[in-house]
Amino acid sequence: MVEQARTGRRGRGDAATPARPADLLAAPGYGARRLYQAYLAAWTRHVDPVLTGPQFAVLTAVRDYPDSDQSSLAEAVALDTSTMADLCRRLERRDLIRRVESPRDARRKLLSLTEEGKAALARVNRRARRLDKALLAGTGVPDGLDIAALLTTLSAHWESVATDDLR
């Protein structure tokens, strides 16, 4: 699909903003980055300006797998363990999750939702589902095409490519 030149719209200075280069438009990584930027903007505006997508993912995983350890859940939500630890500390400070030491290994932190966490997740989840519908409405994407499954497949493949030797 070719994107039309964006003329008439002012960029910096008085010159019209040039069209996006065709090489960029043909690059799936560029499209993925634009998609993610647009999603972040929509999430902040329509879902929650404070709770981030990764925090929402952690709350969802903790709801689905209560008393699981932090490291296991990090993998489930595609976060590295140091990012997960920082994110969980912030959620704990906001009283959305509870972290307790595992009785078998004090280094492992077991996670559960607080009552405030359950309420926040329910509230945000409703808005996130409305956003999901709005993001796909009017796109011309066939109803039978499962975009989430396609994106999950692409993510798994791209993650494997990231670790492959492409020589």
N, C-alpha and C. Protein backbone atom coordinates (compact mmCIF):
# COMPACT_ATOMS: atom_id res chain seq x y z
N MET A 1 0.86 -1.17 0.00
CA MET A 1 0.00 0.00 0.00
C MET A 1 0.90 1.23 0.00
N VAL A 2 0.61 2.17 -0.85
CA VAL A 2 1.40 3.40 -0.95
C VAL A 2 0.67 4.51 -0.22
N GLU A 3 1.39 5.20 0.62
CA GLU A 3 0.81 6.32 1.36
C GLU A 3 0.95 7.58 0.52
N GLN A 4 -0.10 8.35 0.44
CA GLN A 4 -0.09 9.60 -0.33
C GLN A 4 0.83 10.62 0.32
N ALA A 5 1.41 11.49 -0.49
CA ALA A 5 2.25 12.57 0.02
C ALA A 5 1.39 13.47 0.89
N ARG A 6 1.96 13.93 1.96
CA ARG A 6 1.24 14.81 2.88
C ARG A 6 1.61 16.24 2.54
N THR A 7 0.90 16.82 1.61
CA THR A 7 1.19 18.20 1.21
C THR A 7 0.22 19.13 1.88
N GLY A 8 0.62 20.37 1.96
CA GLY A 8 -0.25 21.37 2.56
C GLY A 8 -0.14 21.42 4.06
N ARG A 9 0.35 20.39 4.67
CA ARG A 9 0.52 20.37 6.12
C ARG A 9 1.88 20.95 6.43
N ARG A 10 1.93 21.83 7.34
CA ARG A 10 3.18 22.51 7.65
C ARG A 10 4.00 21.70 8.63
N GLY A 11 5.26 21.59 8.35
CA GLY A 11 6.22 20.98 9.26
C GLY A 11 6.98 22.10 9.95
N ARG A 12 8.26 21.93 10.12
CA ARG A 12 9.10 22.99 10.69
C ARG A 12 9.34 24.04 9.62
N GLY A 13 9.28 25.26 10.00
CA GLY A 13 9.47 26.34 9.04
C GLY A 13 8.25 26.48 8.15
N ASP A 14 8.48 26.97 6.92
CA ASP A 14 7.38 27.21 6.01
C ASP A 14 7.20 26.12 4.96
N ALA A 15 8.10 25.19 4.89
CA ALA A 15 8.01 24.15 3.86
C ALA A 15 6.96 23.11 4.24
N ALA A 16 6.30 22.57 3.22
CA ALA A 16 5.35 21.48 3.46
C ALA A 16 6.12 20.24 3.89
N THR A 17 5.49 19.43 4.72
CA THR A 17 6.13 18.19 5.17
C THR A 17 6.25 17.25 3.98
N PRO A 18 7.44 16.73 3.72
CA PRO A 18 7.59 15.82 2.58
C PRO A 18 6.91 14.47 2.85
N ALA A 19 6.63 13.77 1.78
CA ALA A 19 6.04 12.43 1.90
C ALA A 19 7.06 11.50 2.55
N ARG A 20 6.58 10.46 3.17
CA ARG A 20 7.48 9.46 3.75
C ARG A 20 8.19 8.73 2.63
N PRO A 21 9.48 8.48 2.76
CA PRO A 21 10.21 7.76 1.72
C PRO A 21 9.65 6.35 1.50
N ALA A 22 9.60 5.96 0.23
CA ALA A 22 9.04 4.65 -0.13
C ALA A 22 9.78 3.51 0.56
N ASP A 23 11.11 3.64 0.71
CA ASP A 23 11.87 2.58 1.39
C ASP A 23 11.37 2.37 2.81
N LEU A 24 11.03 3.46 3.49
CA LEU A 24 10.52 3.33 4.86
C LEU A 24 9.14 2.68 4.86
N LEU A 25 8.29 3.12 3.94
CA LEU A 25 6.93 2.57 3.89
C LEU A 25 6.93 1.08 3.57
N ALA A 26 7.98 0.60 2.90
CA ALA A 26 8.08 -0.82 2.56
C ALA A 26 8.73 -1.63 3.68
N ALA A 27 9.24 -0.98 4.71
CA ALA A 27 9.96 -1.67 5.79
C ALA A 27 8.99 -2.04 6.92
N PRO A 28 8.84 -3.33 7.22
CA PRO A 28 7.90 -3.72 8.28
C PRO A 28 8.27 -3.15 9.65
N GLY A 29 9.55 -3.00 9.94
CA GLY A 29 9.95 -2.44 11.23
C GLY A 29 9.50 -0.99 11.39
N TYR A 30 9.57 -0.22 10.31
CA TYR A 30 9.11 1.17 10.34
C TYR A 30 7.60 1.20 10.60
N GLY A 31 6.88 0.33 9.92
CA GLY A 31 5.43 0.25 10.15
C GLY A 31 5.10 -0.15 11.58
N ALA A 32 5.87 -1.10 12.12
CA ALA A 32 5.64 -1.54 13.50
C ALA A 32 5.91 -0.40 14.48
N ARG A 33 6.97 0.37 14.23
CA ARG A 33 7.28 1.50 15.12
C ARG A 33 6.16 2.54 15.08
N ARG A 34 5.68 2.87 13.89
CA ARG A 34 4.58 3.84 13.77
C ARG A 34 3.32 3.32 14.46
N LEU A 35 3.05 2.04 14.27
CA LEU A 35 1.88 1.42 14.90
C LEU A 35 1.98 1.53 16.42
N TYR A 36 3.17 1.23 16.95
CA TYR A 36 3.37 1.29 18.40
C TYR A 36 3.26 2.72 18.92
N GLN A 37 3.83 3.69 18.20
CA GLN A 37 3.71 5.09 18.63
C GLN A 37 2.25 5.53 18.67
N ALA A 38 1.50 5.15 17.64
CA ALA A 38 0.08 5.51 17.59
C ALA A 38 -0.68 4.84 18.72
N TYR A 39 -0.33 3.58 19.01
CA TYR A 39 -0.99 2.86 20.09
C TYR A 39 -0.71 3.52 21.44
N LEU A 40 0.54 3.90 21.68
CA LEU A 40 0.87 4.56 22.94
C LEU A 40 0.07 5.86 23.10
N ALA A 41 -0.03 6.63 22.04
CA ALA A 41 -0.79 7.88 22.10
C ALA A 41 -2.27 7.61 22.37
N ALA A 42 -2.83 6.60 21.71
CA ALA A 42 -4.24 6.27 21.91
C ALA A 42 -4.46 5.73 23.32
N TRP A 43 -3.55 4.88 23.81
CA TRP A 43 -3.66 4.33 25.17
C TRP A 43 -3.67 5.47 26.19
N THR A 44 -2.74 6.39 26.06
CA THR A 44 -2.63 7.49 27.02
C THR A 44 -3.88 8.35 27.01
N ARG A 45 -4.42 8.59 25.84
CA ARG A 45 -5.60 9.46 25.73
C ARG A 45 -6.89 8.76 26.13
N HIS A 46 -7.06 7.50 25.71
CA HIS A 46 -8.36 6.86 25.86
C HIS A 46 -8.45 5.81 26.96
N VAL A 47 -7.32 5.33 27.44
CA VAL A 47 -7.37 4.27 28.45
C VAL A 47 -6.90 4.78 29.80
N ASP A 48 -5.63 5.17 29.90
CA ASP A 48 -5.13 5.64 31.19
C ASP A 48 -3.83 6.41 30.98
N PRO A 49 -3.77 7.64 31.44
CA PRO A 49 -2.55 8.43 31.25
C PRO A 49 -1.44 8.08 32.25
N VAL A 50 -1.76 7.29 33.28
CA VAL A 50 -0.76 6.94 34.30
C VAL A 50 -0.34 5.48 34.19
N LEU A 51 -1.30 4.59 34.14
CA LEU A 51 -1.00 3.15 34.06
C LEU A 51 -0.56 2.84 32.63
N THR A 52 0.64 2.30 32.49
CA THR A 52 1.19 2.01 31.17
C THR A 52 0.71 0.66 30.66
N GLY A 53 0.89 0.43 29.37
CA GLY A 53 0.57 -0.86 28.79
C GLY A 53 1.30 -2.01 29.46
N PRO A 54 2.63 -1.90 29.68
CA PRO A 54 3.32 -2.98 30.39
C PRO A 54 2.80 -3.20 31.82
N GLN A 55 2.44 -2.13 32.51
CA GLN A 55 1.87 -2.29 33.85
C GLN A 55 0.52 -3.01 33.77
N PHE A 56 -0.28 -2.65 32.78
CA PHE A 56 -1.55 -3.32 32.55
C PHE A 56 -1.33 -4.81 32.27
N ALA A 57 -0.31 -5.12 31.47
CA ALA A 57 0.00 -6.52 31.16
C ALA A 57 0.37 -7.28 32.43
N VAL A 58 1.15 -6.66 33.29
CA VAL A 58 1.54 -7.32 34.54
C VAL A 58 0.32 -7.53 35.42
N LEU A 59 -0.52 -6.53 35.57
CA LEU A 59 -1.73 -6.70 36.37
C LEU A 59 -2.61 -7.82 35.83
N THR A 60 -2.73 -7.90 34.52
CA THR A 60 -3.53 -8.95 33.90
C THR A 60 -2.93 -10.32 34.19
N ALA A 61 -1.61 -10.44 34.05
CA ALA A 61 -0.95 -11.72 34.32
C ALA A 61 -1.07 -12.11 35.79
N VAL A 62 -0.93 -11.13 36.68
CA VAL A 62 -1.06 -11.42 38.12
C VAL A 62 -2.48 -11.87 38.43
N ARG A 63 -3.46 -11.24 37.79
CA ARG A 63 -4.86 -11.67 37.99
C ARG A 63 -5.04 -13.12 37.53
N ASP A 64 -4.48 -13.45 36.36
CA ASP A 64 -4.66 -14.79 35.81
C ASP A 64 -3.82 -15.86 36.48
N TYR A 65 -2.68 -15.45 37.06
CA TYR A 65 -1.77 -16.40 37.71
C TYR A 65 -1.37 -15.87 39.09
N PRO A 66 -2.34 -15.78 40.01
CA PRO A 66 -2.03 -15.22 41.33
C PRO A 66 -0.98 -16.08 42.06
N ASP A 67 -0.17 -15.40 42.84
CA ASP A 67 0.89 -16.03 43.63
C ASP A 67 1.97 -16.68 42.79
N SER A 68 2.07 -16.28 41.53
CA SER A 68 3.18 -16.71 40.69
C SER A 68 4.38 -15.82 41.00
N ASP A 69 5.57 -16.32 40.67
CA ASP A 69 6.75 -15.52 40.97
C ASP A 69 6.99 -14.48 39.87
N GLN A 70 7.61 -13.42 40.29
CA GLN A 70 7.86 -12.25 39.45
C GLN A 70 8.62 -12.62 38.17
N SER A 71 9.64 -13.47 38.28
CA SER A 71 10.46 -13.83 37.11
C SER A 71 9.65 -14.60 36.08
N SER A 72 8.83 -15.52 36.54
CA SER A 72 8.00 -16.29 35.60
C SER A 72 7.01 -15.39 34.87
N LEU A 73 6.43 -14.47 35.62
CA LEU A 73 5.47 -13.56 34.99
C LEU A 73 6.16 -12.59 34.05
N ALA A 74 7.41 -12.25 34.32
CA ALA A 74 8.15 -11.37 33.40
C ALA A 74 8.21 -12.01 32.03
N GLU A 75 8.50 -13.27 31.98
CA GLU A 75 8.55 -13.97 30.69
C GLU A 75 7.18 -14.01 30.04
N ALA A 76 6.15 -14.22 30.85
CA ALA A 76 4.78 -14.30 30.31
C ALA A 76 4.33 -13.00 29.66
N VAL A 77 4.84 -11.86 30.14
CA VAL A 77 4.43 -10.56 29.58
C VAL A 77 5.52 -9.92 28.74
N ALA A 78 6.55 -10.70 28.41
CA ALA A 78 7.63 -10.26 27.51
C ALA A 78 8.41 -9.07 28.05
N LEU A 79 8.77 -9.13 29.33
CA LEU A 79 9.62 -8.11 29.94
C LEU A 79 10.88 -8.78 30.47
N ASP A 80 12.00 -8.05 30.44
CA ASP A 80 13.19 -8.60 31.07
C ASP A 80 13.02 -8.48 32.58
N THR A 81 13.78 -9.27 33.33
CA THR A 81 13.57 -9.35 34.77
C THR A 81 13.87 -8.04 35.50
N SER A 82 14.84 -7.26 35.03
CA SER A 82 15.12 -5.99 35.72
C SER A 82 14.01 -4.97 35.49
N THR A 83 13.46 -4.93 34.27
CA THR A 83 12.33 -4.05 34.00
C THR A 83 11.12 -4.49 34.82
N MET A 84 10.91 -5.80 34.88
CA MET A 84 9.79 -6.34 35.65
C MET A 84 9.92 -5.96 37.12
N ALA A 85 11.12 -6.07 37.70
CA ALA A 85 11.32 -5.75 39.11
C ALA A 85 10.99 -4.28 39.38
N ASP A 86 11.46 -3.39 38.51
CA ASP A 86 11.20 -1.97 38.67
C ASP A 86 9.70 -1.68 38.54
N LEU A 87 9.09 -2.26 37.53
CA LEU A 87 7.66 -2.07 37.30
C LEU A 87 6.84 -2.57 38.49
N CYS A 88 7.21 -3.73 39.04
CA CYS A 88 6.48 -4.28 40.18
C CYS A 88 6.65 -3.41 41.43
N ARG A 89 7.83 -2.85 41.63
CA ARG A 89 8.03 -1.94 42.76
C ARG A 89 7.08 -0.74 42.64
N ARG A 90 6.96 -0.21 41.43
CA ARG A 90 6.05 0.93 41.23
C ARG A 90 4.60 0.55 41.47
N LEU A 91 4.20 -0.63 40.98
CA LEU A 91 2.82 -1.08 41.20
C LEU A 91 2.56 -1.34 42.69
N GLU A 92 3.57 -1.84 43.38
CA GLU A 92 3.43 -2.08 44.82
C GLU A 92 3.30 -0.75 45.57
N ARG A 93 4.10 0.24 45.20
CA ARG A 93 4.01 1.57 45.85
C ARG A 93 2.63 2.20 45.64
N ARG A 94 2.00 1.89 44.51
CA ARG A 94 0.66 2.42 44.23
C ARG A 94 -0.43 1.54 44.82
N ASP A 95 -0.03 0.51 45.57
CA ASP A 95 -0.95 -0.43 46.23
C ASP A 95 -1.84 -1.18 45.23
N LEU A 96 -1.27 -1.51 44.06
CA LEU A 96 -2.02 -2.28 43.07
C LEU A 96 -1.67 -3.77 43.13
N ILE A 97 -0.45 -4.07 43.58
CA ILE A 97 -0.06 -5.47 43.77
C ILE A 97 0.60 -5.62 45.14
N ARG A 98 0.66 -6.87 45.57
CA ARG A 98 1.36 -7.22 46.78
C ARG A 98 2.49 -8.16 46.38
N ARG A 99 3.69 -7.89 46.88
CA ARG A 99 4.84 -8.77 46.64
C ARG A 99 5.28 -9.35 47.97
N VAL A 100 5.36 -10.66 48.03
CA VAL A 100 5.82 -11.32 49.25
C VAL A 100 6.92 -12.31 48.89
N GLU A 101 7.80 -12.54 49.84
CA GLU A 101 8.86 -13.52 49.62
C GLU A 101 8.26 -14.91 49.57
N SER A 102 8.81 -15.72 48.71
CA SER A 102 8.41 -17.12 48.65
C SER A 102 8.87 -17.83 49.92
N PRO A 103 8.03 -18.66 50.51
CA PRO A 103 8.45 -19.37 51.72
C PRO A 103 9.62 -20.34 51.45
N ARG A 104 9.78 -20.75 50.20
CA ARG A 104 10.85 -21.69 49.84
C ARG A 104 12.13 -21.01 49.38
N ASP A 105 12.04 -19.75 48.90
CA ASP A 105 13.21 -19.04 48.39
C ASP A 105 12.98 -17.55 48.54
N ALA A 106 13.66 -16.95 49.50
CA ALA A 106 13.45 -15.53 49.82
C ALA A 106 13.79 -14.61 48.65
N ARG A 107 14.56 -15.10 47.68
CA ARG A 107 14.91 -14.26 46.52
C ARG A 107 13.74 -14.14 45.56
N ARG A 108 12.82 -15.10 45.59
CA ARG A 108 11.65 -15.07 44.70
C ARG A 108 10.54 -14.24 45.32
N LYS A 109 9.95 -13.38 44.50
CA LYS A 109 8.82 -12.56 44.96
C LYS A 109 7.55 -13.10 44.32
N LEU A 110 6.56 -13.40 45.16
CA LEU A 110 5.27 -13.88 44.68
C LEU A 110 4.31 -12.70 44.61
N LEU A 111 3.54 -12.64 43.54
CA LEU A 111 2.70 -11.47 43.28
C LEU A 111 1.22 -11.81 43.39
N SER A 112 0.46 -10.85 43.92
CA SER A 112 -1.00 -10.95 43.93
C SER A 112 -1.57 -9.54 43.81
N LEU A 113 -2.79 -9.47 43.35
CA LEU A 113 -3.46 -8.16 43.24
C LEU A 113 -4.05 -7.76 44.58
N THR A 114 -3.97 -6.48 44.88
CA THR A 114 -4.69 -5.93 46.03
C THR A 114 -6.12 -5.65 45.59
N GLU A 115 -6.95 -5.28 46.53
CA GLU A 115 -8.32 -4.89 46.16
C GLU A 115 -8.31 -3.70 45.22
N GLU A 116 -7.44 -2.73 45.51
CA GLU A 116 -7.31 -1.56 44.63
C GLU A 116 -6.81 -1.98 43.25
N GLY A 117 -5.91 -2.95 43.20
CA GLY A 117 -5.40 -3.46 41.93
C GLY A 117 -6.49 -4.13 41.12
N LYS A 118 -7.34 -4.90 41.79
CA LYS A 118 -8.46 -5.56 41.10
C LYS A 118 -9.41 -4.54 40.51
N ALA A 119 -9.71 -3.50 41.29
CA ALA A 119 -10.63 -2.45 40.83
C ALA A 119 -10.01 -1.67 39.67
N ALA A 120 -8.75 -1.32 39.80
CA ALA A 120 -8.07 -0.57 38.74
C ALA A 120 -8.01 -1.39 37.45
N LEU A 121 -7.69 -2.67 37.58
CA LEU A 121 -7.61 -3.52 36.39
C LEU A 121 -8.96 -3.64 35.71
N ALA A 122 -10.02 -3.81 36.46
CA ALA A 122 -11.36 -3.91 35.87
C ALA A 122 -11.71 -2.63 35.13
N ARG A 123 -11.42 -1.49 35.75
CA ARG A 123 -11.72 -0.18 35.16
C ARG A 123 -10.92 0.02 33.86
N VAL A 124 -9.65 -0.23 33.92
CA VAL A 124 -8.78 -0.03 32.76
C VAL A 124 -9.08 -1.06 31.67
N ASN A 125 -9.39 -2.27 32.07
CA ASN A 125 -9.68 -3.32 31.09
C ASN A 125 -10.88 -2.96 30.22
N ARG A 126 -11.91 -2.37 30.81
CA ARG A 126 -13.09 -1.95 30.03
C ARG A 126 -12.68 -0.92 28.98
N ARG A 127 -11.88 0.05 29.39
CA ARG A 127 -11.45 1.09 28.45
C ARG A 127 -10.50 0.52 27.39
N ALA A 128 -9.65 -0.43 27.78
CA ALA A 128 -8.72 -1.04 26.83
C ALA A 128 -9.48 -1.84 25.77
N ARG A 129 -10.54 -2.53 26.15
CA ARG A 129 -11.33 -3.30 25.17
C ARG A 129 -12.04 -2.35 24.21
N ARG A 130 -12.53 -1.20 24.72
CA ARG A 130 -13.14 -0.20 23.82
C ARG A 130 -12.10 0.32 22.84
N LEU A 131 -10.89 0.56 23.32
CA LEU A 131 -9.82 1.03 22.43
C LEU A 131 -9.52 -0.03 21.38
N ASP A 132 -9.46 -1.29 21.77
CA ASP A 132 -9.21 -2.37 20.80
C ASP A 132 -10.21 -2.31 19.66
N LYS A 133 -11.47 -2.15 20.00
CA LYS A 133 -12.52 -2.08 18.96
C LYS A 133 -12.33 -0.85 18.07
N ALA A 134 -12.04 0.28 18.69
CA ALA A 134 -11.85 1.52 17.92
C ALA A 134 -10.64 1.42 16.99
N LEU A 135 -9.59 0.77 17.44
CA LEU A 135 -8.38 0.66 16.62
C LEU A 135 -8.62 -0.15 15.35
N LEU A 136 -9.53 -1.11 15.40
CA LEU A 136 -9.78 -1.97 14.24
C LEU A 136 -10.99 -1.53 13.41
N ALA A 137 -11.83 -0.67 13.98
CA ALA A 137 -13.03 -0.22 13.27
C ALA A 137 -12.65 0.62 12.06
N GLY A 138 -13.32 0.38 10.95
CA GLY A 138 -13.14 1.21 9.76
C GLY A 138 -11.81 1.02 9.06
N THR A 139 -11.07 -0.03 9.37
CA THR A 139 -9.77 -0.23 8.73
C THR A 139 -9.88 -1.03 7.44
N GLY A 140 -11.01 -1.67 7.23
CA GLY A 140 -11.14 -2.51 6.06
C GLY A 140 -10.55 -3.90 6.26
N VAL A 141 -10.05 -4.17 7.46
CA VAL A 141 -9.51 -5.49 7.76
C VAL A 141 -10.69 -6.46 7.83
N PRO A 142 -10.60 -7.57 7.11
CA PRO A 142 -11.72 -8.53 7.14
C PRO A 142 -12.02 -9.01 8.56
N ASP A 143 -13.32 -9.16 8.85
CA ASP A 143 -13.75 -9.59 10.19
C ASP A 143 -13.13 -10.91 10.61
N GLY A 144 -12.93 -11.83 9.68
CA GLY A 144 -12.40 -13.13 10.03
C GLY A 144 -10.90 -13.14 10.33
N LEU A 145 -10.22 -12.05 10.02
CA LEU A 145 -8.78 -12.00 10.25
C LEU A 145 -8.52 -11.63 11.70
N ASP A 146 -7.83 -12.50 12.41
CA ASP A 146 -7.51 -12.28 13.82
C ASP A 146 -6.19 -11.50 13.91
N ILE A 147 -6.31 -10.19 14.00
CA ILE A 147 -5.15 -9.31 14.03
C ILE A 147 -4.26 -9.63 15.24
N ALA A 148 -4.87 -9.88 16.39
CA ALA A 148 -4.07 -10.17 17.58
C ALA A 148 -3.24 -11.43 17.37
N ALA A 149 -3.82 -12.45 16.76
CA ALA A 149 -3.06 -13.69 16.50
C ALA A 149 -1.94 -13.42 15.50
N LEU A 150 -2.23 -12.63 14.48
CA LEU A 150 -1.20 -12.29 13.50
C LEU A 150 -0.05 -11.53 14.15
N LEU A 151 -0.36 -10.55 14.99
CA LEU A 151 0.68 -9.79 15.67
C LEU A 151 1.49 -10.67 16.63
N THR A 152 0.81 -11.60 17.30
CA THR A 152 1.51 -12.52 18.19
C THR A 152 2.46 -13.41 17.40
N THR A 153 2.02 -13.89 16.25
CA THR A 153 2.88 -14.70 15.40
C THR A 153 4.08 -13.90 14.91
N LEU A 154 3.83 -12.69 14.44
CA LEU A 154 4.93 -11.83 13.99
C LEU A 154 5.90 -11.53 15.13
N SER A 155 5.38 -11.26 16.32
CA SER A 155 6.24 -10.96 17.47
C SER A 155 7.16 -12.13 17.78
N ALA A 156 6.60 -13.32 17.81
CA ALA A 156 7.42 -14.51 18.10
C ALA A 156 8.49 -14.71 17.04
N HIS A 157 8.12 -14.52 15.79
CA HIS A 157 9.09 -14.69 14.71
C HIS A 157 10.17 -13.61 14.78
N TRP A 158 9.77 -12.36 14.98
CA TRP A 158 10.74 -11.27 15.04
C TRP A 158 11.68 -11.45 16.23
N GLU A 159 11.15 -11.95 17.37
CA GLU A 159 12.02 -12.22 18.52
C GLU A 159 13.06 -13.29 18.17
N SER A 160 12.67 -14.29 17.40
CA SER A 160 13.65 -15.32 17.02
C SER A 160 14.67 -14.76 16.03
N VAL A 161 14.23 -13.92 15.12
CA VAL A 161 15.16 -13.29 14.17
C VAL A 161 16.18 -12.43 14.92
N ALA A 162 15.73 -11.79 15.98
CA ALA A 162 16.63 -10.93 16.75
C ALA A 162 17.80 -11.72 17.34
N THR A 163 17.61 -13.00 17.57
CA THR A 163 18.69 -13.81 18.15
C THR A 163 19.41 -14.67 17.11
N ASP A 164 18.90 -14.69 15.88
CA ASP A 164 19.52 -15.48 14.81
C ASP A 164 20.74 -14.75 14.23
N ASP A 165 21.61 -15.53 13.60
CA ASP A 165 22.74 -14.99 12.86
C ASP A 165 22.28 -14.86 11.41
N LEU A 166 22.18 -13.64 10.88
CA LEU A 166 21.65 -13.42 9.54
C LEU A 166 22.71 -13.46 8.46
N ARG A 167 23.91 -13.80 8.77
CA ARG A 167 24.97 -13.82 7.74
C ARG A 167 24.74 -14.83 6.70
